Amino acid sequence: MTDFDDLMRSAWQATQPTTDSAALVRRVRRHQRLHRLRRALEIAVTLAAVVILLRPLAGAALTPAYWLVMPFFAVYMPVVWWLLLRAPRPRADAAALDGATYAQVRLSQLRAGLRELRIARLTAAALLAYALLALAAATALDAGPWQSAAGRLLLYAVGCAALTWAIARARRRRYRTEYRAMRRLAGPR
């Protein structure tokens, strides 16, 4: 290492937090609120799916819509929660590490985020394919109630896929920008 590298490393490790701590506190609290809101939404969707799947136990009729949605939720919800619960958490001590080590930690987090976005897009495409197959089968069998249920499922799948792809695209762009910056900070391996 050169003297310049040593100076840069000491400057990186000696940087002081910004003097505008009120703005930093607001950003942290906003981030925490958004995280809680996301988790509450995930829990609400999961509970709604469980209620829909368990409705027949309360005496509700087994409609075609139930039979079309049940296989998707029976597979989709456990996989989503498995992915969420095993996702890497940010390390609290990562910010105190030297620049290259912090960059390596952040790179692994960004890779995990990009992988989750890819899985989300694939899942949305799988739901769309499932809904298309259900509609094609109901149309081929000329089953009236099944056709209308499959048509509604297809509409929901198109909406879900469009929303998922839009969110994934925006996040992917942000993750990739940060990923490139962290690669430069991490330096060669």
N, C-alpha and C. Protein backbone atom coordinates (compact mmCIF):
# COMPACT_ATOMS: atom_id res chain seq x y z
N MET A 1 0.83 -1.19 0.00
CA MET A 1 0.00 0.00 0.00
C MET A 1 0.87 1.24 0.00
N THR A 2 0.35 2.27 -0.61
CA THR A 2 1.07 3.54 -0.65
C THR A 2 0.64 4.43 0.50
N ASP A 3 1.35 5.52 0.66
CA ASP A 3 0.99 6.47 1.71
C ASP A 3 -0.38 7.08 1.43
N PHE A 4 -0.68 7.28 0.15
CA PHE A 4 -1.98 7.86 -0.20
C PHE A 4 -3.10 6.91 0.22
N ASP A 5 -2.93 5.59 0.02
CA ASP A 5 -3.94 4.62 0.44
C ASP A 5 -4.13 4.66 1.95
N ASP A 6 -3.02 4.78 2.68
CA ASP A 6 -3.12 4.86 4.14
C ASP A 6 -3.85 6.12 4.57
N LEU A 7 -3.56 7.24 3.89
CA LEU A 7 -4.26 8.49 4.20
C LEU A 7 -5.76 8.37 3.90
N MET A 8 -6.09 7.75 2.78
CA MET A 8 -7.51 7.58 2.43
C MET A 8 -8.22 6.68 3.44
N ARG A 9 -7.57 5.61 3.84
CA ARG A 9 -8.18 4.71 4.82
C ARG A 9 -8.39 5.42 6.14
N SER A 10 -7.40 6.17 6.61
CA SER A 10 -7.56 6.88 7.88
C SER A 10 -8.61 7.97 7.76
N ALA A 11 -8.70 8.61 6.60
CA ALA A 11 -9.76 9.62 6.42
C ALA A 11 -11.13 8.97 6.42
N TRP A 12 -11.23 7.80 5.82
CA TRP A 12 -12.53 7.10 5.79
C TRP A 12 -12.95 6.70 7.19
N GLN A 13 -12.00 6.17 7.96
CA GLN A 13 -12.33 5.69 9.30
C GLN A 13 -12.50 6.83 10.30
N ALA A 14 -11.98 8.00 9.99
CA ALA A 14 -12.06 9.11 10.92
C ALA A 14 -13.19 10.08 10.59
N THR A 15 -14.01 9.79 9.58
CA THR A 15 -15.07 10.73 9.23
C THR A 15 -16.07 10.83 10.37
N GLN A 16 -16.52 12.02 10.59
CA GLN A 16 -17.47 12.29 11.65
C GLN A 16 -18.88 12.31 11.07
N PRO A 17 -19.88 11.97 11.88
CA PRO A 17 -21.24 12.06 11.38
C PRO A 17 -21.62 13.50 11.06
N THR A 18 -22.59 13.63 10.21
CA THR A 18 -23.01 14.97 9.83
C THR A 18 -23.53 15.73 11.04
N THR A 19 -23.44 17.05 10.97
CA THR A 19 -23.89 17.86 12.09
C THR A 19 -25.40 17.99 12.12
N ASP A 20 -26.05 17.66 11.02
CA ASP A 20 -27.51 17.75 10.96
C ASP A 20 -28.11 16.44 11.45
N SER A 21 -28.02 16.21 12.77
CA SER A 21 -28.50 14.94 13.32
C SER A 21 -30.02 14.86 13.30
N ALA A 22 -30.72 15.98 13.32
CA ALA A 22 -32.18 15.95 13.28
C ALA A 22 -32.66 15.38 11.94
N ALA A 23 -32.00 15.74 10.85
CA ALA A 23 -32.38 15.19 9.55
C ALA A 23 -32.09 13.70 9.48
N LEU A 24 -30.98 13.28 10.07
CA LEU A 24 -30.65 11.86 10.10
C LEU A 24 -31.67 11.08 10.92
N VAL A 25 -32.07 11.63 12.05
CA VAL A 25 -33.07 10.98 12.89
C VAL A 25 -34.39 10.87 12.13
N ARG A 26 -34.78 11.90 11.40
CA ARG A 26 -36.03 11.85 10.62
C ARG A 26 -35.95 10.76 9.55
N ARG A 27 -34.80 10.67 8.86
CA ARG A 27 -34.64 9.64 7.83
C ARG A 27 -34.72 8.23 8.42
N VAL A 28 -34.08 8.03 9.56
CA VAL A 28 -34.11 6.72 10.21
C VAL A 28 -35.52 6.37 10.64
N ARG A 29 -36.22 7.31 11.22
CA ARG A 29 -37.61 7.05 11.66
C ARG A 29 -38.52 6.80 10.47
N ARG A 30 -38.33 7.53 9.38
CA ARG A 30 -39.13 7.30 8.18
C ARG A 30 -38.87 5.90 7.63
N HIS A 31 -37.61 5.51 7.61
CA HIS A 31 -37.25 4.16 7.15
C HIS A 31 -37.89 3.10 8.04
N GLN A 32 -37.86 3.31 9.35
CA GLN A 32 -38.47 2.35 10.27
C GLN A 32 -39.98 2.27 10.07
N ARG A 33 -40.64 3.42 9.85
CA ARG A 33 -42.09 3.42 9.60
C ARG A 33 -42.42 2.67 8.31
N LEU A 34 -41.64 2.91 7.26
CA LEU A 34 -41.88 2.20 6.00
C LEU A 34 -41.67 0.70 6.15
N HIS A 35 -40.66 0.32 6.91
CA HIS A 35 -40.41 -1.10 7.16
C HIS A 35 -41.57 -1.73 7.91
N ARG A 36 -42.07 -1.05 8.94
CA ARG A 36 -43.22 -1.56 9.70
C ARG A 36 -44.46 -1.64 8.82
N LEU A 37 -44.66 -0.65 7.97
CA LEU A 37 -45.81 -0.65 7.06
C LEU A 37 -45.73 -1.82 6.09
N ARG A 38 -44.53 -2.07 5.54
CA ARG A 38 -44.36 -3.22 4.64
C ARG A 38 -44.65 -4.53 5.35
N ARG A 39 -44.13 -4.69 6.56
CA ARG A 39 -44.38 -5.93 7.31
C ARG A 39 -45.86 -6.07 7.65
N ALA A 40 -46.52 -4.97 8.01
CA ALA A 40 -47.96 -5.04 8.31
C ALA A 40 -48.74 -5.44 7.07
N LEU A 41 -48.36 -4.92 5.92
CA LEU A 41 -49.02 -5.30 4.67
C LEU A 41 -48.80 -6.77 4.36
N GLU A 42 -47.57 -7.25 4.54
CA GLU A 42 -47.28 -8.67 4.31
C GLU A 42 -48.11 -9.55 5.23
N ILE A 43 -48.22 -9.17 6.50
CA ILE A 43 -49.00 -9.95 7.45
C ILE A 43 -50.48 -9.90 7.10
N ALA A 44 -50.99 -8.74 6.68
CA ALA A 44 -52.40 -8.62 6.30
C ALA A 44 -52.72 -9.51 5.09
N VAL A 45 -51.85 -9.51 4.10
CA VAL A 45 -52.08 -10.35 2.92
C VAL A 45 -52.04 -11.82 3.31
N THR A 46 -51.11 -12.19 4.18
CA THR A 46 -51.02 -13.58 4.63
C THR A 46 -52.27 -13.98 5.39
N LEU A 47 -52.73 -13.12 6.30
CA LEU A 47 -53.94 -13.44 7.06
C LEU A 47 -55.16 -13.54 6.16
N ALA A 48 -55.25 -12.65 5.16
CA ALA A 48 -56.37 -12.72 4.21
C ALA A 48 -56.33 -14.04 3.44
N ALA A 49 -55.14 -14.47 3.04
CA ALA A 49 -55.02 -15.74 2.32
C ALA A 49 -55.41 -16.91 3.22
N VAL A 50 -55.01 -16.87 4.48
CA VAL A 50 -55.37 -17.95 5.41
C VAL A 50 -56.88 -17.98 5.62
N VAL A 51 -57.49 -16.81 5.76
CA VAL A 51 -58.94 -16.74 5.94
C VAL A 51 -59.65 -17.32 4.71
N ILE A 52 -59.17 -16.95 3.53
CA ILE A 52 -59.78 -17.47 2.29
C ILE A 52 -59.62 -18.98 2.20
N LEU A 53 -58.46 -19.48 2.56
CA LEU A 53 -58.21 -20.92 2.46
C LEU A 53 -58.98 -21.71 3.51
N LEU A 54 -59.23 -21.11 4.65
CA LEU A 54 -59.92 -21.83 5.73
C LEU A 54 -61.42 -21.58 5.77
N ARG A 55 -61.94 -20.78 4.84
CA ARG A 55 -63.39 -20.51 4.80
C ARG A 55 -64.24 -21.76 4.72
N PRO A 56 -63.89 -22.77 3.94
CA PRO A 56 -64.73 -23.97 3.89
C PRO A 56 -64.87 -24.67 5.24
N LEU A 57 -63.90 -24.52 6.13
CA LEU A 57 -64.04 -25.12 7.46
C LEU A 57 -65.15 -24.46 8.27
N ALA A 58 -65.47 -23.22 7.93
CA ALA A 58 -66.54 -22.49 8.61
C ALA A 58 -67.89 -22.71 7.93
N GLY A 59 -67.93 -23.59 6.92
CA GLY A 59 -69.18 -23.91 6.27
C GLY A 59 -69.41 -23.21 4.94
N ALA A 60 -68.44 -22.48 4.45
CA ALA A 60 -68.59 -21.80 3.16
C ALA A 60 -68.56 -22.83 2.03
N ALA A 61 -69.20 -22.47 0.94
CA ALA A 61 -69.25 -23.37 -0.21
C ALA A 61 -67.89 -23.40 -0.92
N LEU A 62 -67.58 -24.54 -1.49
CA LEU A 62 -66.35 -24.68 -2.26
C LEU A 62 -66.65 -24.27 -3.70
N THR A 63 -66.36 -23.01 -4.00
CA THR A 63 -66.66 -22.47 -5.33
C THR A 63 -65.47 -22.70 -6.27
N PRO A 64 -65.70 -22.54 -7.56
CA PRO A 64 -64.57 -22.65 -8.49
C PRO A 64 -63.44 -21.66 -8.19
N ALA A 65 -63.81 -20.46 -7.74
CA ALA A 65 -62.78 -19.46 -7.42
C ALA A 65 -61.88 -19.98 -6.29
N TYR A 66 -62.47 -20.65 -5.32
CA TYR A 66 -61.68 -21.21 -4.22
C TYR A 66 -60.70 -22.25 -4.74
N TRP A 67 -61.17 -23.14 -5.59
CA TRP A 67 -60.31 -24.22 -6.10
C TRP A 67 -59.21 -23.68 -7.01
N LEU A 68 -59.48 -22.57 -7.69
CA LEU A 68 -58.45 -21.99 -8.55
C LEU A 68 -57.37 -21.25 -7.76
N VAL A 69 -57.76 -20.62 -6.66
CA VAL A 69 -56.83 -19.81 -5.88
C VAL A 69 -56.06 -20.66 -4.86
N MET A 70 -56.68 -21.71 -4.36
CA MET A 70 -56.07 -22.51 -3.30
C MET A 70 -54.68 -23.06 -3.65
N PRO A 71 -54.47 -23.67 -4.81
CA PRO A 71 -53.12 -24.21 -5.08
C PRO A 71 -52.04 -23.12 -5.11
N PHE A 72 -52.40 -21.97 -5.64
CA PHE A 72 -51.42 -20.89 -5.71
C PHE A 72 -51.01 -20.43 -4.31
N PHE A 73 -52.02 -20.14 -3.47
CA PHE A 73 -51.70 -19.65 -2.13
C PHE A 73 -51.04 -20.73 -1.27
N ALA A 74 -51.42 -21.97 -1.47
CA ALA A 74 -50.84 -23.05 -0.67
C ALA A 74 -49.33 -23.19 -0.95
N VAL A 75 -48.90 -22.82 -2.13
CA VAL A 75 -47.48 -22.88 -2.46
C VAL A 75 -46.83 -21.52 -2.26
N TYR A 76 -47.49 -20.46 -2.70
CA TYR A 76 -46.90 -19.13 -2.74
C TYR A 76 -46.61 -18.56 -1.34
N MET A 77 -47.57 -18.62 -0.45
CA MET A 77 -47.41 -17.99 0.86
C MET A 77 -46.28 -18.61 1.68
N PRO A 78 -46.18 -19.92 1.80
CA PRO A 78 -45.03 -20.47 2.56
C PRO A 78 -43.68 -20.10 1.93
N VAL A 79 -43.61 -20.09 0.61
CA VAL A 79 -42.34 -19.75 -0.04
C VAL A 79 -41.98 -18.29 0.23
N VAL A 80 -42.95 -17.39 0.14
CA VAL A 80 -42.69 -15.97 0.40
C VAL A 80 -42.20 -15.77 1.83
N TRP A 81 -42.86 -16.37 2.79
CA TRP A 81 -42.43 -16.18 4.18
C TRP A 81 -41.09 -16.85 4.44
N TRP A 82 -40.81 -17.97 3.78
CA TRP A 82 -39.52 -18.60 3.92
C TRP A 82 -38.42 -17.66 3.42
N LEU A 83 -38.66 -17.03 2.27
CA LEU A 83 -37.68 -16.09 1.72
C LEU A 83 -37.50 -14.87 2.62
N LEU A 84 -38.62 -14.34 3.14
CA LEU A 84 -38.53 -13.15 3.99
C LEU A 84 -37.79 -13.44 5.29
N LEU A 85 -38.06 -14.59 5.87
CA LEU A 85 -37.46 -14.89 7.16
C LEU A 85 -35.99 -15.28 7.06
N ARG A 86 -35.57 -15.76 5.90
CA ARG A 86 -34.16 -16.13 5.76
C ARG A 86 -33.33 -15.03 5.11
N ALA A 87 -33.94 -13.91 4.78
CA ALA A 87 -33.21 -12.80 4.15
C ALA A 87 -32.15 -12.27 5.11
N PRO A 88 -30.98 -11.91 4.58
CA PRO A 88 -29.93 -11.38 5.46
C PRO A 88 -30.32 -10.03 6.04
N ARG A 89 -30.05 -9.88 7.30
CA ARG A 89 -30.36 -8.62 7.99
C ARG A 89 -29.12 -7.73 7.97
N PRO A 90 -29.32 -6.43 7.92
CA PRO A 90 -28.16 -5.53 8.00
C PRO A 90 -27.48 -5.69 9.36
N ARG A 91 -26.18 -5.74 9.32
CA ARG A 91 -25.42 -5.85 10.57
C ARG A 91 -25.27 -4.48 11.18
N ALA A 92 -25.52 -4.38 12.47
CA ALA A 92 -25.44 -3.08 13.15
C ALA A 92 -24.01 -2.55 13.19
N ASP A 93 -23.03 -3.44 13.24
CA ASP A 93 -21.66 -2.99 13.33
C ASP A 93 -21.01 -2.77 11.97
N ALA A 94 -21.75 -2.95 10.88
CA ALA A 94 -21.16 -2.84 9.55
C ALA A 94 -20.68 -1.42 9.25
N ALA A 95 -21.36 -0.42 9.78
CA ALA A 95 -20.98 0.96 9.49
C ALA A 95 -19.64 1.32 10.15
N ALA A 96 -19.25 0.61 11.19
CA ALA A 96 -18.00 0.92 11.88
C ALA A 96 -16.80 0.22 11.24
N LEU A 97 -17.04 -0.65 10.27
CA LEU A 97 -15.94 -1.37 9.63
C LEU A 97 -15.19 -0.46 8.67
N ASP A 98 -14.01 -0.90 8.25
CA ASP A 98 -13.29 -0.11 7.27
C ASP A 98 -14.05 -0.15 5.94
N GLY A 99 -13.71 0.73 5.04
CA GLY A 99 -14.47 0.92 3.79
C GLY A 99 -14.61 -0.32 2.95
N ALA A 100 -13.52 -1.06 2.74
CA ALA A 100 -13.57 -2.24 1.88
C ALA A 100 -14.42 -3.34 2.51
N THR A 101 -14.31 -3.53 3.82
CA THR A 101 -15.10 -4.57 4.49
C THR A 101 -16.57 -4.21 4.47
N TYR A 102 -16.88 -2.93 4.76
CA TYR A 102 -18.26 -2.48 4.69
C TYR A 102 -18.82 -2.70 3.28
N ALA A 103 -18.03 -2.38 2.28
CA ALA A 103 -18.48 -2.55 0.90
C ALA A 103 -18.77 -4.01 0.60
N GLN A 104 -17.94 -4.93 1.11
CA GLN A 104 -18.19 -6.36 0.89
C GLN A 104 -19.49 -6.80 1.56
N VAL A 105 -19.74 -6.31 2.79
CA VAL A 105 -20.98 -6.65 3.49
C VAL A 105 -22.17 -6.10 2.70
N ARG A 106 -22.07 -4.87 2.27
CA ARG A 106 -23.18 -4.26 1.52
C ARG A 106 -23.38 -4.94 0.17
N LEU A 107 -22.30 -5.36 -0.47
CA LEU A 107 -22.42 -6.08 -1.75
C LEU A 107 -23.20 -7.37 -1.57
N SER A 108 -22.94 -8.09 -0.49
CA SER A 108 -23.68 -9.34 -0.27
C SER A 108 -25.16 -9.05 -0.02
N GLN A 109 -25.46 -7.95 0.68
CA GLN A 109 -26.86 -7.57 0.90
C GLN A 109 -27.53 -7.19 -0.41
N LEU A 110 -26.82 -6.46 -1.25
CA LEU A 110 -27.38 -6.04 -2.53
C LEU A 110 -27.58 -7.24 -3.45
N ARG A 111 -26.66 -8.20 -3.44
CA ARG A 111 -26.84 -9.42 -4.24
C ARG A 111 -28.08 -10.18 -3.78
N ALA A 112 -28.28 -10.26 -2.47
CA ALA A 112 -29.47 -10.93 -1.95
C ALA A 112 -30.73 -10.17 -2.37
N GLY A 113 -30.69 -8.85 -2.34
CA GLY A 113 -31.84 -8.06 -2.78
C GLY A 113 -32.15 -8.25 -4.25
N LEU A 114 -31.11 -8.28 -5.07
CA LEU A 114 -31.31 -8.52 -6.51
C LEU A 114 -31.87 -9.92 -6.76
N ARG A 115 -31.40 -10.90 -5.99
CA ARG A 115 -31.93 -12.26 -6.12
C ARG A 115 -33.41 -12.31 -5.74
N GLU A 116 -33.79 -11.61 -4.67
CA GLU A 116 -35.19 -11.58 -4.26
C GLU A 116 -36.07 -10.91 -5.32
N LEU A 117 -35.55 -9.86 -5.96
CA LEU A 117 -36.31 -9.21 -7.03
C LEU A 117 -36.50 -10.15 -8.20
N ARG A 118 -35.48 -10.93 -8.53
CA ARG A 118 -35.60 -11.90 -9.61
C ARG A 118 -36.64 -12.98 -9.25
N ILE A 119 -36.64 -13.43 -8.01
CA ILE A 119 -37.62 -14.42 -7.57
C ILE A 119 -39.02 -13.83 -7.60
N ALA A 120 -39.17 -12.57 -7.22
CA ALA A 120 -40.48 -11.92 -7.25
C ALA A 120 -41.01 -11.84 -8.69
N ARG A 121 -40.14 -11.48 -9.63
CA ARG A 121 -40.57 -11.41 -11.03
C ARG A 121 -40.94 -12.80 -11.55
N LEU A 122 -40.16 -13.81 -11.19
CA LEU A 122 -40.48 -15.17 -11.62
C LEU A 122 -41.79 -15.65 -11.01
N THR A 123 -42.03 -15.31 -9.77
CA THR A 123 -43.28 -15.70 -9.11
C THR A 123 -44.47 -15.03 -9.77
N ALA A 124 -44.34 -13.76 -10.09
CA ALA A 124 -45.43 -13.06 -10.78
C ALA A 124 -45.69 -13.68 -12.14
N ALA A 125 -44.63 -14.05 -12.85
CA ALA A 125 -44.79 -14.72 -14.15
C ALA A 125 -45.44 -16.09 -13.97
N ALA A 126 -45.10 -16.81 -12.89
CA ALA A 126 -45.71 -18.12 -12.63
C ALA A 126 -47.20 -17.97 -12.34
N LEU A 127 -47.57 -16.95 -11.58
CA LEU A 127 -48.99 -16.71 -11.31
C LEU A 127 -49.72 -16.38 -12.61
N LEU A 128 -49.12 -15.58 -13.44
CA LEU A 128 -49.72 -15.22 -14.72
C LEU A 128 -49.89 -16.45 -15.60
N ALA A 129 -48.87 -17.30 -15.67
CA ALA A 129 -48.96 -18.54 -16.46
C ALA A 129 -50.03 -19.46 -15.90
N TYR A 130 -50.09 -19.58 -14.57
CA TYR A 130 -51.11 -20.41 -13.93
C TYR A 130 -52.52 -19.91 -14.27
N ALA A 131 -52.71 -18.60 -14.20
CA ALA A 131 -54.02 -18.03 -14.50
C ALA A 131 -54.38 -18.24 -15.97
N LEU A 132 -53.42 -18.09 -16.86
CA LEU A 132 -53.68 -18.34 -18.29
C LEU A 132 -54.05 -19.80 -18.54
N LEU A 133 -53.33 -20.71 -17.90
CA LEU A 133 -53.65 -22.14 -18.06
C LEU A 133 -55.03 -22.46 -17.49
N ALA A 134 -55.37 -21.87 -16.36
CA ALA A 134 -56.68 -22.10 -15.76
C ALA A 134 -57.79 -21.60 -16.68
N LEU A 135 -57.60 -20.42 -17.27
CA LEU A 135 -58.60 -19.87 -18.18
C LEU A 135 -58.70 -20.72 -19.45
N ALA A 136 -57.56 -21.16 -19.96
CA ALA A 136 -57.58 -22.00 -21.17
C ALA A 136 -58.29 -23.33 -20.89
N ALA A 137 -58.02 -23.93 -19.73
CA ALA A 137 -58.67 -25.20 -19.39
C ALA A 137 -60.17 -25.01 -19.19
N ALA A 138 -60.56 -23.93 -18.51
CA ALA A 138 -61.99 -23.68 -18.28
C ALA A 138 -62.70 -23.38 -19.59
N THR A 139 -62.03 -22.70 -20.50
CA THR A 139 -62.62 -22.40 -21.80
C THR A 139 -62.73 -23.68 -22.63
N ALA A 140 -61.71 -24.51 -22.59
CA ALA A 140 -61.74 -25.76 -23.36
C ALA A 140 -62.82 -26.70 -22.85
N LEU A 141 -63.05 -26.70 -21.55
CA LEU A 141 -64.09 -27.57 -20.97
C LEU A 141 -65.47 -26.93 -21.02
N ASP A 142 -65.53 -25.66 -21.42
CA ASP A 142 -66.79 -24.92 -21.52
C ASP A 142 -67.57 -24.94 -20.20
N ALA A 143 -66.85 -24.66 -19.12
CA ALA A 143 -67.45 -24.62 -17.79
C ALA A 143 -67.70 -23.17 -17.40
N GLY A 144 -68.95 -22.76 -17.38
CA GLY A 144 -69.33 -21.36 -17.14
C GLY A 144 -68.80 -20.76 -15.85
N PRO A 145 -69.14 -21.33 -14.68
CA PRO A 145 -68.66 -20.73 -13.43
C PRO A 145 -67.13 -20.76 -13.32
N TRP A 146 -66.53 -21.79 -13.85
CA TRP A 146 -65.07 -21.89 -13.82
C TRP A 146 -64.43 -20.85 -14.72
N GLN A 147 -65.08 -20.56 -15.86
CA GLN A 147 -64.55 -19.55 -16.77
C GLN A 147 -64.54 -18.17 -16.12
N SER A 148 -65.64 -17.82 -15.47
CA SER A 148 -65.69 -16.49 -14.84
C SER A 148 -64.67 -16.39 -13.69
N ALA A 149 -64.53 -17.46 -12.91
CA ALA A 149 -63.54 -17.46 -11.82
C ALA A 149 -62.13 -17.38 -12.39
N ALA A 150 -61.87 -18.10 -13.46
CA ALA A 150 -60.54 -18.08 -14.08
C ALA A 150 -60.28 -16.71 -14.71
N GLY A 151 -61.29 -16.07 -15.27
CA GLY A 151 -61.14 -14.73 -15.83
C GLY A 151 -60.78 -13.72 -14.75
N ARG A 152 -61.45 -13.80 -13.59
CA ARG A 152 -61.12 -12.90 -12.48
C ARG A 152 -59.70 -13.16 -11.98
N LEU A 153 -59.34 -14.44 -11.90
CA LEU A 153 -57.98 -14.77 -11.47
C LEU A 153 -56.95 -14.20 -12.44
N LEU A 154 -57.24 -14.26 -13.73
CA LEU A 154 -56.33 -13.71 -14.73
C LEU A 154 -56.20 -12.19 -14.57
N LEU A 155 -57.31 -11.52 -14.32
CA LEU A 155 -57.26 -10.06 -14.10
C LEU A 155 -56.40 -9.73 -12.88
N TYR A 156 -56.60 -10.47 -11.79
CA TYR A 156 -55.79 -10.24 -10.59
C TYR A 156 -54.32 -10.54 -10.86
N ALA A 157 -54.07 -11.60 -11.62
CA ALA A 157 -52.69 -11.98 -11.93
C ALA A 157 -52.00 -10.92 -12.79
N VAL A 158 -52.72 -10.36 -13.76
CA VAL A 158 -52.14 -9.30 -14.59
C VAL A 158 -51.82 -8.08 -13.73
N GLY A 159 -52.75 -7.70 -12.85
CA GLY A 159 -52.49 -6.57 -11.95
C GLY A 159 -51.32 -6.82 -11.02
N CYS A 160 -51.27 -8.01 -10.46
CA CYS A 160 -50.17 -8.38 -9.56
C CYS A 160 -48.84 -8.38 -10.30
N ALA A 161 -48.83 -8.94 -11.50
CA ALA A 161 -47.59 -9.01 -12.29
C ALA A 161 -47.12 -7.60 -12.67
N ALA A 162 -48.05 -6.76 -13.11
CA ALA A 162 -47.66 -5.39 -13.49
C ALA A 162 -47.08 -4.63 -12.30
N LEU A 163 -47.75 -4.73 -11.16
CA LEU A 163 -47.27 -4.05 -9.96
C LEU A 163 -45.91 -4.61 -9.51
N THR A 164 -45.77 -5.92 -9.52
CA THR A 164 -44.51 -6.54 -9.12
C THR A 164 -43.38 -6.13 -10.04
N TRP A 165 -43.61 -6.16 -11.34
CA TRP A 165 -42.56 -5.80 -12.29
C TRP A 165 -42.18 -4.33 -12.18
N ALA A 166 -43.17 -3.46 -11.91
CA ALA A 166 -42.87 -2.03 -11.76
C ALA A 166 -42.02 -1.77 -10.51
N ILE A 167 -42.41 -2.39 -9.41
CA ILE A 167 -41.65 -2.22 -8.16
C ILE A 167 -40.26 -2.82 -8.32
N ALA A 168 -40.18 -4.01 -8.91
CA ALA A 168 -38.89 -4.68 -9.08
C ALA A 168 -37.97 -3.87 -9.99
N ARG A 169 -38.52 -3.27 -11.01
CA ARG A 169 -37.69 -2.47 -11.92
C ARG A 169 -37.11 -1.25 -11.22
N ALA A 170 -37.94 -0.56 -10.44
CA ALA A 170 -37.45 0.62 -9.73
C ALA A 170 -36.39 0.24 -8.70
N ARG A 171 -36.65 -0.80 -7.94
CA ARG A 171 -35.68 -1.23 -6.93
C ARG A 171 -34.42 -1.77 -7.58
N ARG A 172 -34.55 -2.49 -8.66
CA ARG A 172 -33.38 -3.06 -9.33
C ARG A 172 -32.46 -1.95 -9.81
N ARG A 173 -33.03 -0.90 -10.36
CA ARG A 173 -32.22 0.23 -10.83
C ARG A 173 -31.45 0.85 -9.66
N ARG A 174 -32.12 1.03 -8.53
CA ARG A 174 -31.48 1.62 -7.36
C ARG A 174 -30.40 0.68 -6.81
N TYR A 175 -30.72 -0.61 -6.72
CA TYR A 175 -29.74 -1.59 -6.22
C TYR A 175 -28.52 -1.66 -7.12
N ARG A 176 -28.74 -1.65 -8.43
CA ARG A 176 -27.61 -1.77 -9.36
C ARG A 176 -26.70 -0.54 -9.28
N THR A 177 -27.28 0.65 -9.13
CA THR A 177 -26.48 1.86 -8.98
C THR A 177 -25.62 1.77 -7.72
N GLU A 178 -26.24 1.38 -6.62
CA GLU A 178 -25.49 1.24 -5.38
C GLU A 178 -24.47 0.11 -5.48
N TYR A 179 -24.82 -0.96 -6.17
CA TYR A 179 -23.91 -2.09 -6.34
C TYR A 179 -22.63 -1.67 -7.06
N ARG A 180 -22.80 -0.89 -8.14
CA ARG A 180 -21.62 -0.42 -8.87
C ARG A 180 -20.73 0.47 -8.00
N ALA A 181 -21.37 1.33 -7.18
CA ALA A 181 -20.60 2.20 -6.29
C ALA A 181 -19.86 1.37 -5.24
N MET A 182 -20.51 0.37 -4.70
CA MET A 182 -19.86 -0.48 -3.70
C MET A 182 -18.73 -1.31 -4.31
N ARG A 183 -18.87 -1.73 -5.56
CA ARG A 183 -17.81 -2.48 -6.23
C ARG A 183 -16.56 -1.62 -6.36
N ARG A 184 -16.76 -0.33 -6.67
CA ARG A 184 -15.62 0.57 -6.77
C ARG A 184 -14.97 0.77 -5.40
N LEU A 185 -15.82 0.86 -4.35
CA LEU A 185 -15.29 1.06 -3.01
C LEU A 185 -14.57 -0.20 -2.50
N ALA A 186 -15.10 -1.36 -2.86
CA ALA A 186 -14.51 -2.61 -2.39
C ALA A 186 -13.14 -2.85 -3.03
N GLY A 187 -12.97 -2.36 -4.25
CA GLY A 187 -11.71 -2.55 -4.94
C GLY A 187 -11.57 -3.96 -5.47
N PRO A 188 -10.40 -4.26 -6.03
CA PRO A 188 -10.21 -5.61 -6.58
C PRO A 188 -10.11 -6.64 -5.47
N ARG A 189 -10.57 -7.84 -5.79
CA ARG A 189 -10.52 -8.91 -4.78
C ARG A 189 -9.17 -9.54 -4.72
